Amino acid sequence: MDYIGWLKNKDLEYKDGILHFANLNMIDVAEKYGTPIYVINEEMIRKRYRKLKEKLDSVYSKNGIYFAVKSNSNLSVLKILNSEGACFDCTSTGEIYECFKVGIPPEKIIFTGNMFTNEDFKFAVENKVHVNLDSISQLRRLNKIFEYLGIEKQTISFRINPEFGAG
């Protein structure tokens, strides 16, 4: 892809030597709102999500797209993706709070931590957030949290790496 094609793919173009994003003059945006600034293209987010979902649905109807919240936890982005039907992969309780802030229900969240604390597990269990584990020791600890809280065990996910390390 050439440079002009790459720009268009990102909804960027130069008009009279001025960069435009989603048909917005970036100089005007900077003068109005200051810099640095993040400009989000809702139409592009929706378009790309729908294109991916359509492709997945064409080959496998039982699928779910999990957005990695750590890649962009902007509340507007989370709202947009939630309205499109996305699910969310969170790596911290803070990211889960962000999802809750915009009305994302716990059944659309999976908690994939690397170093879960017992407090992380307790938070996930109490809020009915699915947990993605990567070791037997985590499974044992999570089981103890369910027992301690007297809450019925819920669905979990388990990552497997047959080679080495955790997972």
N, C-alpha and C. Protein backbone atom coordinates (compact mmCIF):
# COMPACT_ATOMS: atom_id res chain seq x y z
N MET A 1 0.85 -1.17 0.00
CA MET A 1 0.00 0.00 0.00
C MET A 1 0.90 1.24 0.00
N ASP A 2 0.60 2.16 -0.86
CA ASP A 2 1.38 3.40 -0.91
C ASP A 2 0.97 4.34 0.23
N TYR A 3 1.71 5.42 0.38
CA TYR A 3 1.49 6.36 1.47
C TYR A 3 0.08 6.95 1.44
N ILE A 4 -0.38 7.36 0.27
CA ILE A 4 -1.72 7.96 0.15
C ILE A 4 -2.79 6.93 0.53
N GLY A 5 -2.61 5.69 0.08
CA GLY A 5 -3.54 4.62 0.43
C GLY A 5 -3.55 4.36 1.92
N TRP A 6 -2.36 4.39 2.54
CA TRP A 6 -2.26 4.18 3.98
C TRP A 6 -3.01 5.28 4.72
N LEU A 7 -2.82 6.54 4.29
CA LEU A 7 -3.52 7.66 4.92
C LEU A 7 -5.03 7.49 4.83
N LYS A 8 -5.52 7.16 3.64
CA LYS A 8 -6.96 7.02 3.44
C LYS A 8 -7.53 5.89 4.31
N ASN A 9 -6.74 4.82 4.46
CA ASN A 9 -7.16 3.70 5.31
C ASN A 9 -7.34 4.15 6.76
N LYS A 10 -6.61 5.16 7.17
CA LYS A 10 -6.71 5.70 8.53
C LYS A 10 -7.66 6.89 8.60
N ASP A 11 -8.35 7.17 7.49
CA ASP A 11 -9.25 8.32 7.37
C ASP A 11 -8.50 9.64 7.53
N LEU A 12 -7.27 9.65 7.04
CA LEU A 12 -6.42 10.84 7.05
C LEU A 12 -6.21 11.30 5.61
N GLU A 13 -6.13 12.60 5.44
CA GLU A 13 -5.75 13.13 4.13
C GLU A 13 -5.26 14.57 4.28
N TYR A 14 -4.48 14.97 3.33
CA TYR A 14 -4.02 16.36 3.29
C TYR A 14 -4.86 17.13 2.29
N LYS A 15 -5.38 18.27 2.73
CA LYS A 15 -6.12 19.18 1.85
C LYS A 15 -5.42 20.51 1.94
N ASP A 16 -4.94 20.98 0.82
CA ASP A 16 -4.19 22.24 0.77
C ASP A 16 -3.06 22.26 1.79
N GLY A 17 -2.39 21.11 1.95
CA GLY A 17 -1.24 21.02 2.85
C GLY A 17 -1.58 20.91 4.32
N ILE A 18 -2.87 20.76 4.65
CA ILE A 18 -3.30 20.67 6.04
C ILE A 18 -3.87 19.28 6.30
N LEU A 19 -3.41 18.66 7.37
CA LEU A 19 -3.87 17.32 7.72
C LEU A 19 -5.31 17.36 8.18
N HIS A 20 -6.12 16.45 7.63
CA HIS A 20 -7.52 16.28 8.03
C HIS A 20 -7.71 14.84 8.51
N PHE A 21 -8.49 14.70 9.56
CA PHE A 21 -8.84 13.39 10.08
C PHE A 21 -10.35 13.35 10.18
N ALA A 22 -10.96 12.36 9.52
CA ALA A 22 -12.42 12.24 9.49
C ALA A 22 -13.05 13.56 9.03
N ASN A 23 -12.43 14.15 8.04
CA ASN A 23 -12.87 15.43 7.46
C ASN A 23 -12.77 16.62 8.41
N LEU A 24 -12.03 16.47 9.50
CA LEU A 24 -11.81 17.58 10.42
C LEU A 24 -10.42 18.16 10.18
N ASN A 25 -10.36 19.46 10.06
CA ASN A 25 -9.08 20.16 9.92
C ASN A 25 -8.37 20.10 11.27
N MET A 26 -7.23 19.43 11.31
CA MET A 26 -6.54 19.22 12.58
C MET A 26 -5.96 20.51 13.16
N ILE A 27 -5.65 21.48 12.34
CA ILE A 27 -5.19 22.77 12.87
C ILE A 27 -6.34 23.45 13.61
N ASP A 28 -7.53 23.42 13.01
CA ASP A 28 -8.70 24.01 13.67
C ASP A 28 -9.00 23.30 15.00
N VAL A 29 -8.90 21.99 15.00
CA VAL A 29 -9.16 21.21 16.22
C VAL A 29 -8.15 21.59 17.30
N ALA A 30 -6.87 21.67 16.93
CA ALA A 30 -5.81 22.01 17.89
C ALA A 30 -6.01 23.42 18.44
N GLU A 31 -6.39 24.36 17.58
CA GLU A 31 -6.60 25.73 18.04
C GLU A 31 -7.81 25.83 18.97
N LYS A 32 -8.84 25.04 18.69
CA LYS A 32 -10.06 25.09 19.50
C LYS A 32 -9.89 24.38 20.84
N TYR A 33 -9.22 23.21 20.85
CA TYR A 33 -9.16 22.38 22.05
C TYR A 33 -7.79 22.30 22.69
N GLY A 34 -6.76 22.79 22.01
CA GLY A 34 -5.41 22.69 22.54
C GLY A 34 -4.76 21.36 22.21
N THR A 35 -3.50 21.26 22.57
CA THR A 35 -2.76 20.02 22.34
C THR A 35 -2.01 19.64 23.60
N PRO A 36 -1.70 18.41 23.81
CA PRO A 36 -2.05 17.29 22.93
C PRO A 36 -3.53 16.95 23.04
N ILE A 37 -4.05 16.31 22.02
CA ILE A 37 -5.46 15.93 22.00
C ILE A 37 -5.62 14.59 21.29
N TYR A 38 -6.54 13.81 21.77
CA TYR A 38 -6.90 12.56 21.10
C TYR A 38 -8.22 12.81 20.39
N VAL A 39 -8.26 12.46 19.12
CA VAL A 39 -9.48 12.59 18.33
C VAL A 39 -9.92 11.18 17.97
N ILE A 40 -11.14 10.84 18.32
CA ILE A 40 -11.67 9.50 18.09
C ILE A 40 -12.67 9.55 16.94
N ASN A 41 -12.53 8.62 16.02
CA ASN A 41 -13.42 8.54 14.88
C ASN A 41 -14.45 7.42 15.13
N GLU A 42 -15.60 7.80 15.67
CA GLU A 42 -16.63 6.83 16.01
C GLU A 42 -17.06 6.02 14.79
N GLU A 43 -17.23 6.67 13.68
CA GLU A 43 -17.66 5.97 12.46
C GLU A 43 -16.66 4.88 12.07
N MET A 44 -15.37 5.19 12.18
CA MET A 44 -14.35 4.20 11.82
C MET A 44 -14.35 3.02 12.80
N ILE A 45 -14.50 3.30 14.08
CA ILE A 45 -14.54 2.23 15.07
C ILE A 45 -15.71 1.29 14.77
N ARG A 46 -16.88 1.88 14.53
CA ARG A 46 -18.06 1.07 14.23
C ARG A 46 -17.87 0.27 12.94
N LYS A 47 -17.36 0.92 11.92
CA LYS A 47 -17.16 0.28 10.62
C LYS A 47 -16.20 -0.91 10.74
N ARG A 48 -15.10 -0.73 11.44
CA ARG A 48 -14.12 -1.80 11.57
C ARG A 48 -14.64 -2.95 12.44
N TYR A 49 -15.35 -2.61 13.50
CA TYR A 49 -15.94 -3.66 14.33
C TYR A 49 -16.93 -4.48 13.51
N ARG A 50 -17.82 -3.81 12.79
CA ARG A 50 -18.84 -4.50 12.00
C ARG A 50 -18.22 -5.38 10.92
N LYS A 51 -17.15 -4.88 10.30
CA LYS A 51 -16.47 -5.66 9.26
C LYS A 51 -15.88 -6.93 9.85
N LEU A 52 -15.22 -6.82 11.00
CA LEU A 52 -14.65 -7.99 11.66
C LEU A 52 -15.75 -8.96 12.08
N LYS A 53 -16.82 -8.44 12.67
CA LYS A 53 -17.92 -9.28 13.13
C LYS A 53 -18.56 -10.01 11.95
N GLU A 54 -18.75 -9.31 10.86
CA GLU A 54 -19.34 -9.91 9.66
C GLU A 54 -18.47 -11.07 9.15
N LYS A 55 -17.17 -10.85 9.10
CA LYS A 55 -16.24 -11.90 8.64
C LYS A 55 -16.29 -13.11 9.58
N LEU A 56 -16.26 -12.86 10.88
CA LEU A 56 -16.32 -13.97 11.84
C LEU A 56 -17.63 -14.73 11.71
N ASP A 57 -18.74 -14.00 11.62
CA ASP A 57 -20.05 -14.62 11.52
C ASP A 57 -20.18 -15.47 10.25
N SER A 58 -19.47 -15.09 9.19
CA SER A 58 -19.58 -15.83 7.93
C SER A 58 -18.92 -17.21 8.01
N VAL A 59 -18.00 -17.39 8.92
CA VAL A 59 -17.33 -18.69 9.04
C VAL A 59 -17.64 -19.41 10.35
N TYR A 60 -18.05 -18.66 11.36
CA TYR A 60 -18.34 -19.28 12.66
C TYR A 60 -19.31 -18.38 13.41
N SER A 61 -20.56 -18.82 13.49
CA SER A 61 -21.59 -17.95 14.07
C SER A 61 -21.48 -17.81 15.59
N LYS A 62 -20.89 -18.79 16.26
CA LYS A 62 -20.76 -18.72 17.72
C LYS A 62 -19.42 -18.11 18.07
N ASN A 63 -19.36 -16.80 18.03
CA ASN A 63 -18.09 -16.12 18.30
C ASN A 63 -18.33 -14.92 19.20
N GLY A 64 -17.26 -14.42 19.74
CA GLY A 64 -17.32 -13.19 20.53
C GLY A 64 -16.05 -12.41 20.29
N ILE A 65 -16.18 -11.14 20.14
CA ILE A 65 -15.02 -10.27 19.97
C ILE A 65 -14.76 -9.60 21.32
N TYR A 66 -13.59 -9.85 21.87
CA TYR A 66 -13.20 -9.28 23.15
C TYR A 66 -12.17 -8.18 22.92
N PHE A 67 -12.57 -6.95 23.20
CA PHE A 67 -11.69 -5.80 23.04
C PHE A 67 -10.74 -5.72 24.24
N ALA A 68 -9.45 -5.60 23.96
CA ALA A 68 -8.45 -5.47 25.03
C ALA A 68 -8.51 -4.05 25.58
N VAL A 69 -9.11 -3.89 26.74
CA VAL A 69 -9.30 -2.56 27.33
C VAL A 69 -7.96 -1.86 27.55
N LYS A 70 -6.90 -2.62 27.83
CA LYS A 70 -5.59 -2.00 28.04
C LYS A 70 -5.10 -1.27 26.79
N SER A 71 -5.64 -1.61 25.62
CA SER A 71 -5.21 -0.93 24.39
C SER A 71 -5.81 0.46 24.26
N ASN A 72 -6.97 0.68 24.88
CA ASN A 72 -7.61 2.00 24.86
C ASN A 72 -8.79 1.99 25.82
N SER A 73 -8.60 2.56 26.99
CA SER A 73 -9.67 2.55 28.01
C SER A 73 -10.51 3.82 27.99
N ASN A 74 -10.45 4.58 26.91
CA ASN A 74 -11.26 5.78 26.78
C ASN A 74 -12.74 5.39 26.90
N LEU A 75 -13.46 6.06 27.78
CA LEU A 75 -14.85 5.71 28.04
C LEU A 75 -15.72 5.79 26.79
N SER A 76 -15.45 6.75 25.93
CA SER A 76 -16.23 6.87 24.69
C SER A 76 -16.01 5.66 23.79
N VAL A 77 -14.78 5.20 23.70
CA VAL A 77 -14.48 4.01 22.89
C VAL A 77 -15.19 2.79 23.47
N LEU A 78 -15.16 2.64 24.78
CA LEU A 78 -15.83 1.51 25.42
C LEU A 78 -17.34 1.55 25.17
N LYS A 79 -17.94 2.74 25.26
CA LYS A 79 -19.38 2.88 25.00
C LYS A 79 -19.72 2.49 23.57
N ILE A 80 -18.92 2.97 22.62
CA ILE A 80 -19.16 2.67 21.20
C ILE A 80 -19.11 1.16 20.98
N LEU A 81 -18.05 0.53 21.45
CA LEU A 81 -17.89 -0.91 21.23
C LEU A 81 -18.97 -1.71 21.96
N ASN A 82 -19.35 -1.28 23.14
CA ASN A 82 -20.43 -1.96 23.86
C ASN A 82 -21.73 -1.89 23.06
N SER A 83 -22.02 -0.74 22.49
CA SER A 83 -23.25 -0.60 21.71
C SER A 83 -23.23 -1.46 20.45
N GLU A 84 -22.04 -1.82 19.99
CA GLU A 84 -21.91 -2.69 18.81
C GLU A 84 -21.99 -4.17 19.19
N GLY A 85 -21.93 -4.46 20.48
CA GLY A 85 -22.03 -5.85 20.91
C GLY A 85 -20.73 -6.49 21.34
N ALA A 86 -19.66 -5.71 21.42
CA ALA A 86 -18.36 -6.26 21.81
C ALA A 86 -18.37 -6.71 23.26
N CYS A 87 -17.45 -7.62 23.56
CA CYS A 87 -17.15 -8.00 24.93
C CYS A 87 -15.79 -7.40 25.27
N PHE A 88 -15.36 -7.52 26.52
CA PHE A 88 -14.17 -6.79 26.96
C PHE A 88 -13.23 -7.66 27.77
N ASP A 89 -11.95 -7.58 27.42
CA ASP A 89 -10.89 -8.30 28.12
C ASP A 89 -10.15 -7.29 28.98
N CYS A 90 -10.24 -7.47 30.29
CA CYS A 90 -9.62 -6.54 31.24
C CYS A 90 -8.45 -7.21 31.96
N THR A 91 -7.42 -6.42 32.23
CA THR A 91 -6.24 -6.95 32.92
C THR A 91 -6.10 -6.43 34.34
N SER A 92 -7.04 -5.62 34.78
CA SER A 92 -6.98 -5.08 36.14
C SER A 92 -8.39 -4.75 36.62
N THR A 93 -8.53 -4.62 37.93
CA THR A 93 -9.83 -4.22 38.47
C THR A 93 -10.16 -2.80 38.03
N GLY A 94 -9.15 -1.97 37.84
CA GLY A 94 -9.38 -0.60 37.35
C GLY A 94 -10.04 -0.60 35.98
N GLU A 95 -9.59 -1.48 35.09
CA GLU A 95 -10.22 -1.57 33.77
C GLU A 95 -11.65 -2.08 33.88
N ILE A 96 -11.89 -2.99 34.81
CA ILE A 96 -13.26 -3.48 35.01
C ILE A 96 -14.15 -2.34 35.50
N TYR A 97 -13.65 -1.52 36.44
CA TYR A 97 -14.41 -0.34 36.91
C TYR A 97 -14.76 0.57 35.73
N GLU A 98 -13.81 0.79 34.83
CA GLU A 98 -14.07 1.64 33.66
C GLU A 98 -15.23 1.06 32.84
N CYS A 99 -15.22 -0.25 32.65
CA CYS A 99 -16.31 -0.89 31.92
C CYS A 99 -17.64 -0.71 32.65
N PHE A 100 -17.64 -0.92 33.95
CA PHE A 100 -18.86 -0.74 34.74
C PHE A 100 -19.38 0.70 34.64
N LYS A 101 -18.45 1.67 34.61
CA LYS A 101 -18.83 3.10 34.54
C LYS A 101 -19.71 3.40 33.34
N VAL A 102 -19.46 2.71 32.23
CA VAL A 102 -20.22 2.98 31.01
C VAL A 102 -21.34 1.96 30.79
N GLY A 103 -21.65 1.18 31.82
CA GLY A 103 -22.80 0.29 31.75
C GLY A 103 -22.56 -1.07 31.12
N ILE A 104 -21.32 -1.48 31.01
CA ILE A 104 -21.02 -2.80 30.46
C ILE A 104 -21.31 -3.84 31.54
N PRO A 105 -22.17 -4.81 31.25
CA PRO A 105 -22.52 -5.80 32.27
C PRO A 105 -21.38 -6.81 32.48
N PRO A 106 -21.30 -7.40 33.67
CA PRO A 106 -20.20 -8.31 33.98
C PRO A 106 -20.10 -9.52 33.05
N GLU A 107 -21.23 -9.98 32.52
CA GLU A 107 -21.18 -11.15 31.64
C GLU A 107 -20.48 -10.86 30.31
N LYS A 108 -20.22 -9.58 30.03
CA LYS A 108 -19.48 -9.22 28.81
C LYS A 108 -18.00 -8.93 29.09
N ILE A 109 -17.56 -9.26 30.31
CA ILE A 109 -16.19 -8.95 30.71
C ILE A 109 -15.47 -10.23 31.10
N ILE A 110 -14.23 -10.36 30.65
CA ILE A 110 -13.36 -11.43 31.11
C ILE A 110 -12.12 -10.78 31.71
N PHE A 111 -11.72 -11.27 32.86
CA PHE A 111 -10.61 -10.70 33.62
C PHE A 111 -9.39 -11.59 33.42
N THR A 112 -8.42 -11.10 32.65
CA THR A 112 -7.21 -11.84 32.33
C THR A 112 -6.03 -11.15 32.98
N GLY A 113 -5.76 -11.52 34.21
CA GLY A 113 -4.63 -10.92 34.91
C GLY A 113 -3.40 -11.80 34.82
N ASN A 114 -2.26 -11.23 35.08
CA ASN A 114 -1.03 -12.01 35.10
C ASN A 114 -0.62 -12.39 36.52
N MET A 115 -0.90 -11.52 37.45
CA MET A 115 -0.51 -11.74 38.84
C MET A 115 -1.70 -11.42 39.74
N PHE A 116 -2.72 -12.27 39.69
CA PHE A 116 -3.93 -12.04 40.49
C PHE A 116 -3.62 -12.04 41.98
N THR A 117 -4.18 -11.06 42.68
CA THR A 117 -4.16 -11.09 44.14
C THR A 117 -5.47 -11.73 44.60
N ASN A 118 -5.55 -12.10 45.86
CA ASN A 118 -6.81 -12.63 46.38
C ASN A 118 -7.90 -11.57 46.32
N GLU A 119 -7.51 -10.31 46.50
CA GLU A 119 -8.49 -9.21 46.38
C GLU A 119 -9.03 -9.12 44.95
N ASP A 120 -8.18 -9.34 43.94
CA ASP A 120 -8.65 -9.36 42.55
C ASP A 120 -9.70 -10.45 42.37
N PHE A 121 -9.39 -11.65 42.87
CA PHE A 121 -10.34 -12.76 42.76
C PHE A 121 -11.64 -12.45 43.48
N LYS A 122 -11.54 -11.90 44.67
CA LYS A 122 -12.73 -11.55 45.46
C LYS A 122 -13.59 -10.55 44.69
N PHE A 123 -12.95 -9.53 44.13
CA PHE A 123 -13.67 -8.52 43.35
C PHE A 123 -14.39 -9.18 42.17
N ALA A 124 -13.69 -10.03 41.44
CA ALA A 124 -14.28 -10.69 40.27
C ALA A 124 -15.46 -11.57 40.67
N VAL A 125 -15.29 -12.35 41.71
CA VAL A 125 -16.36 -13.24 42.16
C VAL A 125 -17.57 -12.44 42.63
N GLU A 126 -17.35 -11.43 43.45
CA GLU A 126 -18.47 -10.63 43.96
C GLU A 126 -19.20 -9.88 42.85
N ASN A 127 -18.50 -9.55 41.78
CA ASN A 127 -19.12 -8.81 40.67
C ASN A 127 -19.50 -9.68 39.49
N LYS A 128 -19.35 -11.01 39.64
CA LYS A 128 -19.75 -11.98 38.61
C LYS A 128 -19.02 -11.78 37.29
N VAL A 129 -17.75 -11.39 37.39
CA VAL A 129 -16.91 -11.23 36.21
C VAL A 129 -16.19 -12.55 35.96
N HIS A 130 -16.20 -13.01 34.72
CA HIS A 130 -15.50 -14.25 34.37
C HIS A 130 -13.99 -14.04 34.51
N VAL A 131 -13.31 -15.06 35.00
CA VAL A 131 -11.87 -14.98 35.22
C VAL A 131 -11.16 -15.93 34.26
N ASN A 132 -10.07 -15.46 33.67
CA ASN A 132 -9.24 -16.24 32.76
C ASN A 132 -7.94 -16.58 33.49
N LEU A 133 -7.80 -17.83 33.89
CA LEU A 133 -6.66 -18.27 34.69
C LEU A 133 -5.54 -18.82 33.81
N ASP A 134 -4.33 -18.90 34.40
CA ASP A 134 -3.24 -19.51 33.65
C ASP A 134 -2.36 -20.43 34.48
N SER A 135 -2.85 -20.83 35.65
CA SER A 135 -2.07 -21.79 36.45
C SER A 135 -2.99 -22.53 37.42
N ILE A 136 -2.56 -23.71 37.79
CA ILE A 136 -3.32 -24.51 38.74
C ILE A 136 -3.37 -23.81 40.10
N SER A 137 -2.29 -23.13 40.48
CA SER A 137 -2.30 -22.43 41.77
C SER A 137 -3.36 -21.33 41.78
N GLN A 138 -3.56 -20.65 40.65
CA GLN A 138 -4.62 -19.64 40.57
C GLN A 138 -5.99 -20.31 40.71
N LEU A 139 -6.15 -21.46 40.08
CA LEU A 139 -7.42 -22.19 40.17
C LEU A 139 -7.72 -22.56 41.62
N ARG A 140 -6.72 -23.04 42.33
CA ARG A 140 -6.91 -23.40 43.74
C ARG A 140 -7.28 -22.17 44.58
N ARG A 141 -6.57 -21.07 44.35
CA ARG A 141 -6.85 -19.84 45.11
C ARG A 141 -8.25 -19.32 44.81
N LEU A 142 -8.64 -19.33 43.54
CA LEU A 142 -9.97 -18.87 43.17
C LEU A 142 -11.04 -19.75 43.82
N ASN A 143 -10.82 -21.05 43.82
CA ASN A 143 -11.76 -21.98 44.45
C ASN A 143 -11.95 -21.63 45.93
N LYS A 144 -10.86 -21.31 46.62
CA LYS A 144 -10.95 -20.93 48.04
C LYS A 144 -11.76 -19.65 48.23
N ILE A 145 -11.64 -18.72 47.29
CA ILE A 145 -12.41 -17.47 47.38
C ILE A 145 -13.90 -17.77 47.23
N PHE A 146 -14.27 -18.62 46.26
CA PHE A 146 -15.68 -19.01 46.11
C PHE A 146 -16.19 -19.62 47.40
N GLU A 147 -15.41 -20.53 47.97
CA GLU A 147 -15.82 -21.20 49.21
C GLU A 147 -15.93 -20.20 50.37
N TYR A 148 -14.96 -19.33 50.51
CA TYR A 148 -14.95 -18.33 51.58
C TYR A 148 -16.17 -17.42 51.50
N LEU A 149 -16.52 -17.01 50.29
CA LEU A 149 -17.65 -16.10 50.11
C LEU A 149 -18.99 -16.84 50.08
N GLY A 150 -18.95 -18.16 49.97
CA GLY A 150 -20.18 -18.93 49.91
C GLY A 150 -20.97 -18.68 48.64
N ILE A 151 -20.25 -18.42 47.57
CA ILE A 151 -20.89 -18.12 46.28
C ILE A 151 -20.69 -19.32 45.35
N GLU A 152 -21.76 -19.67 44.62
CA GLU A 152 -21.68 -20.78 43.68
C GLU A 152 -20.64 -20.47 42.60
N LYS A 153 -19.86 -21.48 42.26
CA LYS A 153 -18.81 -21.29 41.26
C LYS A 153 -19.43 -20.95 39.91
N GLN A 154 -18.76 -20.05 39.20
CA GLN A 154 -19.22 -19.62 37.89
C GLN A 154 -18.23 -20.11 36.83
N THR A 155 -18.59 -19.90 35.59
CA THR A 155 -17.74 -20.29 34.48
C THR A 155 -16.41 -19.56 34.55
N ILE A 156 -15.35 -20.30 34.28
CA ILE A 156 -14.02 -19.69 34.19
C ILE A 156 -13.42 -20.05 32.84
N SER A 157 -12.33 -19.40 32.53
CA SER A 157 -11.56 -19.72 31.33
C SER A 157 -10.15 -20.06 31.80
N PHE A 158 -9.49 -20.93 31.06
CA PHE A 158 -8.14 -21.35 31.46
C PHE A 158 -7.24 -21.34 30.24
N ARG A 159 -6.16 -20.56 30.32
CA ARG A 159 -5.18 -20.49 29.22
C ARG A 159 -4.16 -21.61 29.39
N ILE A 160 -3.84 -22.27 28.29
CA ILE A 160 -2.88 -23.36 28.34
C ILE A 160 -1.73 -23.07 27.39
N ASN A 161 -0.52 -23.23 27.90
CA ASN A 161 0.69 -23.12 27.09
C ASN A 161 1.48 -24.39 27.35
N PRO A 162 1.46 -25.34 26.41
CA PRO A 162 2.11 -26.63 26.65
C PRO A 162 3.63 -26.57 26.64
N GLU A 163 4.20 -25.47 26.26
CA GLU A 163 5.65 -25.36 26.14
C GLU A 163 6.34 -25.02 27.45
N PHE A 164 6.06 -23.83 27.99
CA PHE A 164 6.78 -23.38 29.17
C PHE A 164 6.06 -22.20 29.79
N GLY A 165 6.47 -21.85 30.99
CA GLY A 165 5.93 -20.67 31.66
C GLY A 165 4.49 -20.86 32.11
N ALA A 166 3.91 -19.76 32.55
CA ALA A 166 2.51 -19.78 32.97
C ALA A 166 1.62 -19.87 31.75
N GLY A 167 0.43 -20.38 31.95
CA GLY A 167 -0.53 -20.47 30.85
C GLY A 167 -0.50 -21.77 30.14
